[in-house]
Amino acid sequence: MIRTDAPMARTTDPVSSHIANSKIKNNVTLADNIICAVRNIYAQTPGFGVTDDQILEFVEALTQKRQQRNVIARARGLLERDGLLERIPSINNSRVAVRPNKEWAGNGV
């Protein structure tokens, strides 16, 4: 689950950003789906990081609903900040790549 006590938008961001961010951090299902995506994809290709595009594709297939990439990326960043995901170097260094945090890797979602 995403921590709700830390600020997510910059103070200079428009009000709409703060509203959108509050919806993201309260969306437990989205967080669970992202963690599930990272665990499943990483298990198939250990050692290679999971990108936001891969997470997006997995979550869309799982939910059968179109997702916004920026929302997936923001939520992934929050999960990373909270220690549930760990950033690793991507193969082509052009995308953010993550893997499950070693402490959480064995826990099923």
PDB file of N, CA and C in Angstrom:
ATOM      1  N   MET A   1       0.840  -1.167   0.000  1.00  0.00           N
ATOM      2  CA  MET A   1       0.000   0.000   0.000  1.00  0.00           C
ATOM      3  C   MET A   1       0.894   1.241   0.000  1.00  0.00           C
ATOM      4  N   ILE A   2       0.409   2.284  -0.606  1.00  0.00           N
ATOM      5  CA  ILE A   2       1.150   3.534  -0.710  1.00  0.00           C
ATOM      6  C   ILE A   2       0.949   4.353   0.566  1.00  0.00           C
ATOM      7  N   ARG A   3       2.060   4.858   1.107  1.00  0.00           N
ATOM      8  CA  ARG A   3       1.973   5.720   2.294  1.00  0.00           C
ATOM      9  C   ARG A   3       1.148   6.948   1.968  1.00  0.00           C
ATOM     10  N   THR A   4       0.320   7.353   2.888  1.00  0.00           N
ATOM     11  CA  THR A   4      -0.528   8.524   2.655  1.00  0.00           C
ATOM     12  C   THR A   4      -0.078   9.745   3.433  1.00  0.00           C
ATOM     13  N   ASP A   5       0.990   9.626   4.219  1.00  0.00           N
ATOM     14  CA  ASP A   5       1.410  10.736   5.063  1.00  0.00           C
ATOM     15  C   ASP A   5       2.424  11.667   4.399  1.00  0.00           C
ATOM     16  N   ALA A   6       2.983  11.271   3.272  1.00  0.00           N
ATOM     17  CA  ALA A   6       4.012  12.082   2.617  1.00  0.00           C
ATOM     18  C   ALA A   6       3.396  12.887   1.473  1.00  0.00           C
ATOM     19  N   PRO A   7       3.829  14.135   1.298  1.00  0.00           N
ATOM     20  CA  PRO A   7       3.298  14.933   0.190  1.00  0.00           C
ATOM     21  C   PRO A   7       3.729  14.346  -1.147  1.00  0.00           C
ATOM     22  N   MET A   8       2.858  14.474  -2.150  1.00  0.00           N
ATOM     23  CA  MET A   8       3.159  13.883  -3.441  1.00  0.00           C
ATOM     24  C   MET A   8       3.333  14.921  -4.538  1.00  0.00           C
ATOM     25  N   ALA A   9       2.668  16.036  -4.438  1.00  0.00           N
ATOM     26  CA  ALA A   9       2.791  17.073  -5.458  1.00  0.00           C
ATOM     27  C   ALA A   9       3.636  18.212  -4.902  1.00  0.00           C
ATOM     28  N   ARG A  10       4.311  18.899  -5.804  1.00  0.00           N
ATOM     29  CA  ARG A  10       5.086  20.071  -5.378  1.00  0.00           C
ATOM     30  C   ARG A  10       4.112  21.182  -4.982  1.00  0.00           C
ATOM     31  N   THR A  11       4.544  22.036  -4.081  1.00  0.00           N
ATOM     32  CA  THR A  11       3.668  23.112  -3.627  1.00  0.00           C
ATOM     33  C   THR A  11       3.334  24.076  -4.761  1.00  0.00           C
ATOM     34  N   THR A  12       4.166  24.118  -5.785  1.00  0.00           N
ATOM     35  CA  THR A  12       3.905  25.020  -6.914  1.00  0.00           C
ATOM     36  C   THR A  12       3.000  24.389  -7.980  1.00  0.00           C
ATOM     37  N   ASP A  13       2.665  23.107  -7.818  1.00  0.00           N
ATOM     38  CA  ASP A  13       1.787  22.441  -8.778  1.00  0.00           C
ATOM     39  C   ASP A  13       0.365  22.977  -8.677  1.00  0.00           C
ATOM     40  N   PRO A  14      -0.390  22.905  -9.776  1.00  0.00           N
ATOM     41  CA  PRO A  14      -1.784  23.360  -9.725  1.00  0.00           C
ATOM     42  C   PRO A  14      -2.624  22.457  -8.818  1.00  0.00           C
ATOM     43  N   VAL A  15      -3.748  22.975  -8.386  1.00  0.00           N
ATOM     44  CA  VAL A  15      -4.643  22.245  -7.491  1.00  0.00           C
ATOM     45  C   VAL A  15      -5.036  20.904  -8.100  1.00  0.00           C
ATOM     46  N   SER A  16      -5.229  20.867  -9.406  1.00  0.00           N
ATOM     47  CA  SER A  16      -5.638  19.619 -10.056  1.00  0.00           C
ATOM     48  C   SER A  16      -4.604  18.511  -9.842  1.00  0.00           C
ATOM     49  N   SER A  17      -3.325  18.862  -9.778  1.00  0.00           N
ATOM     50  CA  SER A  17      -2.288  17.860  -9.515  1.00  0.00           C
ATOM     51  C   SER A  17      -2.420  17.277  -8.117  1.00  0.00           C
ATOM     52  N   HIS A  18      -2.734  18.126  -7.153  1.00  0.00           N
ATOM     53  CA  HIS A  18      -2.905  17.653  -5.779  1.00  0.00           C
ATOM     54  C   HIS A  18      -4.120  16.737  -5.675  1.00  0.00           C
ATOM     55  N   ILE A  19      -5.184  17.071  -6.383  1.00  0.00           N
ATOM     56  CA  ILE A  19      -6.389  16.238  -6.380  1.00  0.00           C
ATOM     57  C   ILE A  19      -6.093  14.882  -7.017  1.00  0.00           C
ATOM     58  N   ALA A  20      -5.439  14.908  -8.177  1.00  0.00           N
ATOM     59  CA  ALA A  20      -5.098  13.654  -8.858  1.00  0.00           C
ATOM     60  C   ALA A  20      -4.179  12.798  -8.001  1.00  0.00           C
ATOM     61  N   ASN A  21      -3.193  13.416  -7.361  1.00  0.00           N
ATOM     62  CA  ASN A  21      -2.262  12.674  -6.516  1.00  0.00           C
ATOM     63  C   ASN A  21      -2.958  12.039  -5.321  1.00  0.00           C
ATOM     64  N   SER A  22      -3.927  12.742  -4.741  1.00  0.00           N
ATOM     65  CA  SER A  22      -4.631  12.163  -3.596  1.00  0.00           C
ATOM     66  C   SER A  22      -5.435  10.946  -4.020  1.00  0.00           C
ATOM     67  N   LYS A  23      -5.949  10.950  -5.242  1.00  0.00           N
ATOM     68  CA  LYS A  23      -6.680   9.781  -5.747  1.00  0.00           C
ATOM     69  C   LYS A  23      -5.728   8.614  -5.968  1.00  0.00           C
ATOM     70  N   ILE A  24      -4.534   8.889  -6.460  1.00  0.00           N
ATOM     71  CA  ILE A  24      -3.552   7.824  -6.708  1.00  0.00           C
ATOM     72  C   ILE A  24      -3.133   7.180  -5.396  1.00  0.00           C
ATOM     73  N   LYS A  25      -2.791   7.990  -4.405  1.00  0.00           N
ATOM     74  CA  LYS A  25      -2.268   7.416  -3.166  1.00  0.00           C
ATOM     75  C   LYS A  25      -3.331   6.673  -2.368  1.00  0.00           C
ATOM     76  N   ASN A  26      -4.608   6.920  -2.649  1.00  0.00           N
ATOM     77  CA  ASN A  26      -5.673   6.205  -1.956  1.00  0.00           C
ATOM     78  C   ASN A  26      -6.174   4.996  -2.739  1.00  0.00           C
ATOM     79  N   ASN A  27      -5.589   4.717  -3.897  1.00  0.00           N
ATOM     80  CA  ASN A  27      -6.026   3.621  -4.745  1.00  0.00           C
ATOM     81  C   ASN A  27      -5.204   2.364  -4.429  1.00  0.00           C
ATOM     82  N   VAL A  28      -5.662   1.606  -3.442  1.00  0.00           N
ATOM     83  CA  VAL A  28      -4.960   0.403  -3.007  1.00  0.00           C
ATOM     84  C   VAL A  28      -4.955  -0.640  -4.117  1.00  0.00           C
ATOM     85  N   THR A  29      -6.037  -0.745  -4.864  1.00  0.00           N
ATOM     86  CA  THR A  29      -6.116  -1.726  -5.946  1.00  0.00           C
ATOM     87  C   THR A  29      -5.049  -1.457  -6.996  1.00  0.00           C
ATOM     88  N   LEU A  30      -4.845  -0.199  -7.366  1.00  0.00           N
ATOM     89  CA  LEU A  30      -3.816   0.146  -8.339  1.00  0.00           C
ATOM     90  C   LEU A  30      -2.439  -0.256  -7.820  1.00  0.00           C
ATOM     91  N   ALA A  31      -2.166   0.050  -6.571  1.00  0.00           N
ATOM     92  CA  ALA A  31      -0.872  -0.311  -5.975  1.00  0.00           C
ATOM     93  C   ALA A  31      -0.678  -1.825  -6.002  1.00  0.00           C
ATOM     94  N   ASP A  32      -1.704  -2.567  -5.619  1.00  0.00           N
ATOM     95  CA  ASP A  32      -1.616  -4.029  -5.631  1.00  0.00           C
ATOM     96  C   ASP A  32      -1.397  -4.557  -7.040  1.00  0.00           C
ATOM     97  N   ASN A  33      -2.082  -3.972  -8.027  1.00  0.00           N
ATOM     98  CA  ASN A  33      -1.932  -4.412  -9.416  1.00  0.00           C
ATOM     99  C   ASN A  33      -0.528  -4.133  -9.941  1.00  0.00           C
ATOM    100  N   ILE A  34       0.039  -3.002  -9.565  1.00  0.00           N
ATOM    101  CA  ILE A  34       1.401  -2.664 -10.001  1.00  0.00           C
ATOM    102  C   ILE A  34       2.414  -3.616  -9.381  1.00  0.00           C
ATOM    103  N   ILE A  35       2.271  -3.895  -8.096  1.00  0.00           N
ATOM    104  CA  ILE A  35       3.176  -4.832  -7.431  1.00  0.00           C
ATOM    105  C   ILE A  35       3.045  -6.220  -8.058  1.00  0.00           C
ATOM    106  N   CYS A  36       1.825  -6.636  -8.331  1.00  0.00           N
ATOM    107  CA  CYS A  36       1.580  -7.919  -8.978  1.00  0.00           C
ATOM    108  C   CYS A  36       2.251  -7.958 -10.353  1.00  0.00           C
ATOM    109  N   ALA A  37       2.119  -6.886 -11.107  1.00  0.00           N
ATOM    110  CA  ALA A  37       2.726  -6.808 -12.441  1.00  0.00           C
ATOM    111  C   ALA A  37       4.242  -6.935 -12.357  1.00  0.00           C
ATOM    112  N   VAL A  38       4.842  -6.166 -11.462  1.00  0.00           N
ATOM    113  CA  VAL A  38       6.311  -6.189 -11.340  1.00  0.00           C
ATOM    114  C   VAL A  38       6.788  -7.576 -10.918  1.00  0.00           C
ATOM    115  N   ARG A  39       6.119  -8.181  -9.959  1.00  0.00           N
ATOM    116  CA  ARG A  39       6.526  -9.519  -9.508  1.00  0.00           C
ATOM    117  C   ARG A  39       6.416 -10.543 -10.624  1.00  0.00           C
ATOM    118  N   ASN A  40       5.316 -10.520 -11.352  1.00  0.00           N
ATOM    119  CA  ASN A  40       5.108 -11.502 -12.417  1.00  0.00           C
ATOM    120  C   ASN A  40       6.091 -11.317 -13.569  1.00  0.00           C
ATOM    121  N   ILE A  41       6.254 -10.095 -14.018  1.00  0.00           N
ATOM    122  CA  ILE A  41       7.151  -9.825 -15.143  1.00  0.00           C
ATOM    123  C   ILE A  41       8.596 -10.105 -14.749  1.00  0.00           C
ATOM    124  N   TYR A  42       8.976  -9.667 -13.550  1.00  0.00           N
ATOM    125  CA  TYR A  42      10.353  -9.871 -13.091  1.00  0.00           C
ATOM    126  C   TYR A  42      10.653 -11.360 -12.914  1.00  0.00           C
ATOM    127  N   ALA A  43       9.673 -12.135 -12.467  1.00  0.00           N
ATOM    128  CA  ALA A  43       9.867 -13.576 -12.296  1.00  0.00           C
ATOM    129  C   ALA A  43      10.138 -14.259 -13.636  1.00  0.00           C
ATOM    130  N   GLN A  44       9.562 -13.726 -14.712  1.00  0.00           N
ATOM    131  CA  GLN A  44       9.768 -14.301 -16.041  1.00  0.00           C
ATOM    132  C   GLN A  44      11.112 -13.893 -16.635  1.00  0.00           C
ATOM    133  N   THR A  45      11.613 -12.737 -16.222  1.00  0.00           N
ATOM    134  CA  THR A  45      12.883 -12.232 -16.760  1.00  0.00           C
ATOM    135  C   THR A  45      13.753 -11.706 -15.626  1.00  0.00           C
ATOM    136  N   PRO A  46      14.190 -12.591 -14.718  1.00  0.00           N
ATOM    137  CA  PRO A  46      14.976 -12.122 -13.574  1.00  0.00           C
ATOM    138  C   PRO A  46      16.262 -11.437 -14.022  1.00  0.00           C
ATOM    139  N   GLY A  47      16.587 -10.389 -13.322  1.00  0.00           N
ATOM    140  CA  GLY A  47      17.790  -9.635 -13.666  1.00  0.00           C
ATOM    141  C   GLY A  47      17.512  -8.453 -14.574  1.00  0.00           C
ATOM    142  N   PHE A  48      16.393  -8.502 -15.268  1.00  0.00           N
ATOM    143  CA  PHE A  48      16.004  -7.386 -16.130  1.00  0.00           C
ATOM    144  C   PHE A  48      14.918  -6.592 -15.429  1.00  0.00           C
ATOM    145  N   GLY A  49      15.058  -5.294 -15.398  1.00  0.00           N
ATOM    146  CA  GLY A  49      14.072  -4.453 -14.748  1.00  0.00           C
ATOM    147  C   GLY A  49      12.762  -4.419 -15.508  1.00  0.00           C
ATOM    148  N   VAL A  50      11.718  -4.022 -14.812  1.00  0.00           N
ATOM    149  CA  VAL A  50      10.376  -3.906 -15.374  1.00  0.00           C
ATOM    150  C   VAL A  50      10.098  -2.424 -15.611  1.00  0.00           C
ATOM    151  N   THR A  51       9.681  -2.074 -16.818  1.00  0.00           N
ATOM    152  CA  THR A  51       9.431  -0.675 -17.162  1.00  0.00           C
ATOM    153  C   THR A  51       7.969  -0.305 -16.946  1.00  0.00           C
ATOM    154  N   ASP A  52       7.703   0.998 -16.938  1.00  0.00           N
ATOM    155  CA  ASP A  52       6.328   1.477 -16.809  1.00  0.00           C
ATOM    156  C   ASP A  52       5.461   0.986 -17.967  1.00  0.00           C
ATOM    157  N   ASP A  53       6.032   0.886 -19.162  1.00  0.00           N
ATOM    158  CA  ASP A  53       5.267   0.385 -20.316  1.00  0.00           C
ATOM    159  C   ASP A  53       4.832  -1.060 -20.082  1.00  0.00           C
ATOM    160  N   GLN A  54       5.726  -1.882 -19.528  1.00  0.00           N
ATOM    161  CA  GLN A  54       5.371  -3.271 -19.229  1.00  0.00           C
ATOM    162  C   GLN A  54       4.310  -3.347 -18.137  1.00  0.00           C
ATOM    163  N   ILE A  55       4.463  -2.502 -17.118  1.00  0.00           N
ATOM    164  CA  ILE A  55       3.474  -2.461 -16.037  1.00  0.00           C
ATOM    165  C   ILE A  55       2.119  -2.044 -16.608  1.00  0.00           C
ATOM    166  N   LEU A  56       2.115  -1.017 -17.447  1.00  0.00           N
ATOM    167  CA  LEU A  56       0.880  -0.527 -18.055  1.00  0.00           C
ATOM    168  C   LEU A  56       0.180  -1.640 -18.824  1.00  0.00           C
ATOM    169  N   GLU A  57       0.920  -2.339 -19.662  1.00  0.00           N
ATOM    170  CA  GLU A  57       0.345  -3.419 -20.477  1.00  0.00           C
ATOM    171  C   GLU A  57      -0.232  -4.519 -19.587  1.00  0.00           C
ATOM    172  N   PHE A  58       0.479  -4.891 -18.532  1.00  0.00           N
ATOM    173  CA  PHE A  58       0.025  -5.944 -17.625  1.00  0.00           C
ATOM    174  C   PHE A  58      -1.246  -5.513 -16.894  1.00  0.00           C
ATOM    175  N   VAL A  59      -1.247  -4.293 -16.350  1.00  0.00           N
ATOM    176  CA  VAL A  59      -2.403  -3.823 -15.588  1.00  0.00           C
ATOM    177  C   VAL A  59      -3.623  -3.667 -16.492  1.00  0.00           C
ATOM    178  N   GLU A  60      -3.426  -3.202 -17.721  1.00  0.00           N
ATOM    179  CA  GLU A  60      -4.552  -3.099 -18.655  1.00  0.00           C
ATOM    180  C   GLU A  60      -5.124  -4.476 -18.966  1.00  0.00           C
ATOM    181  N   ALA A  61      -4.261  -5.464 -19.157  1.00  0.00           N
ATOM    182  CA  ALA A  61      -4.740  -6.825 -19.417  1.00  0.00           C
ATOM    183  C   ALA A  61      -5.451  -7.395 -18.193  1.00  0.00           C
ATOM    184  N   LEU A  62      -4.925  -7.103 -17.019  1.00  0.00           N
ATOM    185  CA  LEU A  62      -5.499  -7.608 -15.774  1.00  0.00           C
ATOM    186  C   LEU A  62      -6.876  -7.004 -15.504  1.00  0.00           C
ATOM    187  N   THR A  63      -6.987  -5.704 -15.701  1.00  0.00           N
ATOM    188  CA  THR A  63      -8.231  -4.998 -15.365  1.00  0.00           C
ATOM    189  C   THR A  63      -9.202  -4.887 -16.532  1.00  0.00           C
ATOM    190  N   GLN A  64      -8.712  -5.157 -17.739  1.00  0.00           N
ATOM    191  CA  GLN A  64      -9.517  -4.988 -18.958  1.00  0.00           C
ATOM    192  C   GLN A  64     -10.019  -3.550 -19.101  1.00  0.00           C
ATOM    193  N   LYS A  65      -9.197  -2.611 -18.613  1.00  0.00           N
ATOM    194  CA  LYS A  65      -9.519  -1.183 -18.704  1.00  0.00           C
ATOM    195  C   LYS A  65      -8.286  -0.426 -19.140  1.00  0.00           C
ATOM    196  N   ARG A  66      -8.510   0.616 -19.911  1.00  0.00           N
ATOM    197  CA  ARG A  66      -7.424   1.498 -20.334  1.00  0.00           C
ATOM    198  C   ARG A  66      -6.893   2.223 -19.111  1.00  0.00           C
ATOM    199  N   GLN A  67      -5.581   2.298 -19.009  1.00  0.00           N
ATOM    200  CA  GLN A  67      -4.926   2.989 -17.901  1.00  0.00           C
ATOM    201  C   GLN A  67      -4.104   4.142 -18.454  1.00  0.00           C
ATOM    202  N   GLN A  68      -3.870   5.148 -17.625  1.00  0.00           N
ATOM    203  CA  GLN A  68      -3.030   6.269 -18.029  1.00  0.00           C
ATOM    204  C   GLN A  68      -1.593   5.969 -17.588  1.00  0.00           C
ATOM    205  N   ARG A  69      -0.673   6.071 -18.551  1.00  0.00           N
ATOM    206  CA  ARG A  69       0.725   5.761 -18.255  1.00  0.00           C
ATOM    207  C   ARG A  69       1.275   6.665 -17.151  1.00  0.00           C
ATOM    208  N   ASN A  70       0.906   7.939 -17.160  1.00  0.00           N
ATOM    209  CA  ASN A  70       1.430   8.848 -16.143  1.00  0.00           C
ATOM    210  C   ASN A  70       0.938   8.477 -14.740  1.00  0.00           C
ATOM    211  N   VAL A  71      -0.264   7.944 -14.639  1.00  0.00           N
ATOM    212  CA  VAL A  71      -0.788   7.500 -13.340  1.00  0.00           C
ATOM    213  C   VAL A  71      -0.028   6.259 -12.872  1.00  0.00           C
ATOM    214  N   ILE A  72       0.209   5.330 -13.798  1.00  0.00           N
ATOM    215  CA  ILE A  72       0.992   4.129 -13.476  1.00  0.00           C
ATOM    216  C   ILE A  72       2.396   4.541 -13.014  1.00  0.00           C
ATOM    217  N   ALA A  73       3.017   5.456 -13.751  1.00  0.00           N
ATOM    218  CA  ALA A  73       4.378   5.897 -13.417  1.00  0.00           C
ATOM    219  C   ALA A  73       4.413   6.589 -12.056  1.00  0.00           C
ATOM    220  N   ARG A  74       3.423   7.420 -11.789  1.00  0.00           N
ATOM    221  CA  ARG A  74       3.384   8.123 -10.496  1.00  0.00           C
ATOM    222  C   ARG A  74       3.198   7.133  -9.353  1.00  0.00           C
ATOM    223  N   ALA A  75       2.268   6.203  -9.510  1.00  0.00           N
ATOM    224  CA  ALA A  75       2.026   5.214  -8.460  1.00  0.00           C
ATOM    225  C   ALA A  75       3.252   4.314  -8.280  1.00  0.00           C
ATOM    226  N   ARG A  76       3.905   3.926  -9.378  1.00  0.00           N
ATOM    227  CA  ARG A  76       5.123   3.119  -9.300  1.00  0.00           C
ATOM    228  C   ARG A  76       6.203   3.882  -8.534  1.00  0.00           C
ATOM    229  N   GLY A  77       6.312   5.160  -8.798  1.00  0.00           N
ATOM    230  CA  GLY A  77       7.282   5.986  -8.085  1.00  0.00           C
ATOM    231  C   GLY A  77       7.006   6.043  -6.590  1.00  0.00           C
ATOM    232  N   LEU A  78       5.743   6.085  -6.224  1.00  0.00           N
ATOM    233  CA  LEU A  78       5.381   6.100  -4.804  1.00  0.00           C
ATOM    234  C   LEU A  78       5.697   4.764  -4.138  1.00  0.00           C
ATOM    235  N   LEU A  79       5.445   3.680  -4.858  1.00  0.00           N
ATOM    236  CA  LEU A  79       5.782   2.357  -4.327  1.00  0.00           C
ATOM    237  C   LEU A  79       7.295   2.204  -4.188  1.00  0.00           C
ATOM    238  N   GLU A  80       8.006   2.787  -5.104  1.00  0.00           N
ATOM    239  CA  GLU A  80       9.472   2.792  -5.036  1.00  0.00           C
ATOM    240  C   GLU A  80       9.928   3.608  -3.825  1.00  0.00           C
ATOM    241  N   ARG A  81       9.355   4.781  -3.662  1.00  0.00           N
ATOM    242  CA  ARG A  81       9.687   5.645  -2.520  1.00  0.00           C
ATOM    243  C   ARG A  81       9.413   4.940  -1.197  1.00  0.00           C
ATOM    244  N   ASP A  82       8.326   4.158  -1.165  1.00  0.00           N
ATOM    245  CA  ASP A  82       7.932   3.486   0.073  1.00  0.00           C
ATOM    246  C   ASP A  82       8.672   2.174   0.306  1.00  0.00           C
ATOM    247  N   GLY A  83       9.593   1.824  -0.608  1.00  0.00           N
ATOM    248  CA  GLY A  83      10.437   0.661  -0.415  1.00  0.00           C
ATOM    249  C   GLY A  83       9.866  -0.655  -0.909  1.00  0.00           C
ATOM    250  N   LEU A  84       8.727  -0.641  -1.577  1.00  0.00           N
ATOM    251  CA  LEU A  84       8.144  -1.879  -2.075  1.00  0.00           C
ATOM    252  C   LEU A  84       8.754  -2.302  -3.406  1.00  0.00           C
ATOM    253  N   LEU A  85       9.248  -1.332  -4.158  1.00  0.00           N
ATOM    254  CA  LEU A  85       9.935  -1.591  -5.419  1.00  0.00           C
ATOM    255  C   LEU A  85      11.315  -0.959  -5.348  1.00  0.00           C
ATOM    256  N   GLU A  86      12.238  -1.508  -6.121  1.00  0.00           N
ATOM    257  CA  GLU A  86      13.615  -1.023  -6.120  1.00  0.00           C
ATOM    258  C   GLU A  86      14.025  -0.684  -7.548  1.00  0.00           C
ATOM    259  N   ARG A  87      14.554   0.520  -7.748  1.00  0.00           N
ATOM    260  CA  ARG A  87      15.001   0.927  -9.078  1.00  0.00           C
ATOM    261  C   ARG A  87      16.335   0.279  -9.396  1.00  0.00           C
ATOM    262  N   ILE A  88      16.449  -0.222 -10.623  1.00  0.00           N
ATOM    263  CA  ILE A  88      17.705  -0.808 -11.091  1.00  0.00           C
ATOM    264  C   ILE A  88      18.017  -0.228 -12.465  1.00  0.00           C
ATOM    265  N   PRO A  89      19.257  -0.297 -12.890  1.00  0.00           N
ATOM    266  CA  PRO A  89      19.598   0.233 -14.216  1.00  0.00           C
ATOM    267  C   PRO A  89      18.851  -0.537 -15.305  1.00  0.00           C
ATOM    268  N   SER A  90      18.291   0.193 -16.253  1.00  0.00           N
ATOM    269  CA  SER A  90      17.628  -0.475 -17.371  1.00  0.00           C
ATOM    270  C   SER A  90      18.675  -0.896 -18.387  1.00  0.00           C
ATOM    271  N   ILE A  91      18.299  -1.793 -19.256  1.00  0.00           N
ATOM    272  CA  ILE A  91      19.242  -2.319 -20.240  1.00  0.00           C
ATOM    273  C   ILE A  91      19.710  -1.227 -21.190  1.00  0.00           C
ATOM    274  N   ASN A  92      18.771  -0.446 -21.692  1.00  0.00           N
ATOM    275  CA  ASN A  92      19.149   0.589 -22.661  1.00  0.00           C
ATOM    276  C   ASN A  92      19.230   1.982 -22.029  1.00  0.00           C
ATOM    277  N   ASN A  93      19.086   2.050 -20.702  1.00  0.00           N
ATOM    278  CA  ASN A  93      19.193   3.305 -19.950  1.00  0.00           C
ATOM    279  C   ASN A  93      18.245   4.393 -20.423  1.00  0.00           C
ATOM    280  N   SER A  94      17.196   4.026 -21.144  1.00  0.00           N
ATOM    281  CA  SER A  94      16.266   5.045 -21.616  1.00  0.00           C
ATOM    282  C   SER A  94      14.976   5.062 -20.815  1.00  0.00           C
ATOM    283  N   ARG A  95      14.746   4.072 -20.003  1.00  0.00           N
ATOM    284  CA  ARG A  95      13.516   3.981 -19.219  1.00  0.00           C
ATOM    285  C   ARG A  95      13.832   3.638 -17.775  1.00  0.00           C
ATOM    286  N   VAL A  96      12.942   4.028 -16.886  1.00  0.00           N
ATOM    287  CA  VAL A  96      13.037   3.614 -15.494  1.00  0.00           C
ATOM    288  C   VAL A  96      12.730   2.126 -15.442  1.00  0.00           C
ATOM    289  N   ALA A  97      13.531   1.389 -14.702  1.00  0.00           N
ATOM    290  CA  ALA A  97      13.305  -0.042 -14.530  1.00  0.00           C
ATOM    291  C   ALA A  97      13.312  -0.351 -13.036  1.00  0.00           C
ATOM    292  N   VAL A  98      12.383  -1.199 -12.614  1.00  0.00           N
ATOM    293  CA  VAL A  98      12.274  -1.566 -11.204  1.00  0.00           C
ATOM    294  C   VAL A  98      12.183  -3.072 -11.073  1.00  0.00           C
ATOM    295  N   ARG A  99      12.387  -3.527  -9.846  1.00  0.00           N
ATOM    296  CA  ARG A  99      12.177  -4.925  -9.490  1.00  0.00           C
ATOM    297  C   ARG A  99      11.549  -4.933  -8.103  1.00  0.00           C
ATOM    298  N   PRO A 100      10.986  -6.078  -7.714  1.00  0.00           N
ATOM    299  CA  PRO A 100      10.435  -6.130  -6.347  1.00  0.00           C
ATOM    300  C   PRO A 100      11.552  -5.936  -5.335  1.00  0.00           C
ATOM    301  N   ASN A 101      11.273  -5.245  -4.264  1.00  0.00           N
ATOM    302  CA  ASN A 101      12.242  -5.120  -3.188  1.00  0.00           C
ATOM    303  C   ASN A 101      12.493  -6.522  -2.631  1.00  0.00           C
ATOM    304  N   LYS A 102      13.744  -6.836  -2.347  1.00  0.00           N
ATOM    305  CA  LYS A 102      14.113  -8.182  -1.909  1.00  0.00           C
ATOM    306  C   LYS A 102      13.314  -8.640  -0.682  1.00  0.00           C
ATOM    307  N   GLU A 103      12.993  -7.715   0.216  1.00  0.00           N
ATOM    308  CA  GLU A 103      12.225  -8.060   1.405  1.00  0.00           C
ATOM    309  C   GLU A 103      10.804  -8.489   1.040  1.00  0.00           C
ATOM    310  N   TRP A 104      10.255  -7.887  -0.012  1.00  0.00           N
ATOM    311  CA  TRP A 104       8.861  -8.121  -0.378  1.00  0.00           C
ATOM    312  C   TRP A 104       8.727  -9.133  -1.508  1.00  0.00           C
ATOM    313  N   ALA A 105       9.820  -9.541  -2.126  1.00  0.00           N
ATOM    314  CA  ALA A 105       9.774 -10.370  -3.343  1.00  0.00           C
ATOM    315  C   ALA A 105       9.038 -11.691  -3.130  1.00  0.00           C
ATOM    316  N   GLY A 106       9.108 -12.264  -1.952  1.00  0.00           N
ATOM    317  CA  GLY A 106       8.477 -13.549  -1.735  1.00  0.00           C
ATOM    318  C   GLY A 106       7.024 -13.480  -1.326  1.00  0.00           C
ATOM    319  N   ASN A 107       6.537 -12.295  -1.000  1.00  0.00           N
ATOM    320  CA  ASN A 107       5.159 -12.156  -0.541  1.00  0.00           C
ATOM    321  C   ASN A 107       4.212 -12.076  -1.726  1.00  0.00           C
ATOM    322  N   GLY A 108       3.200 -12.905  -1.754  1.00  0.00           N
ATOM    323  CA  GLY A 108       2.229 -12.880  -2.847  1.00  0.00           C
ATOM    324  C   GLY A 108       1.249 -11.733  -2.700  1.00  0.00           C
ATOM    325  N   VAL A 109       0.723 -11.304  -3.816  1.00  0.00           N
ATOM    326  CA  VAL A 109      -0.298 -10.248  -3.802  1.00  0.00           C
ATOM    327  C   VAL A 109      -1.601 -10.871  -4.184  1.00  0.00           C
TER     328      VAL A 109
END
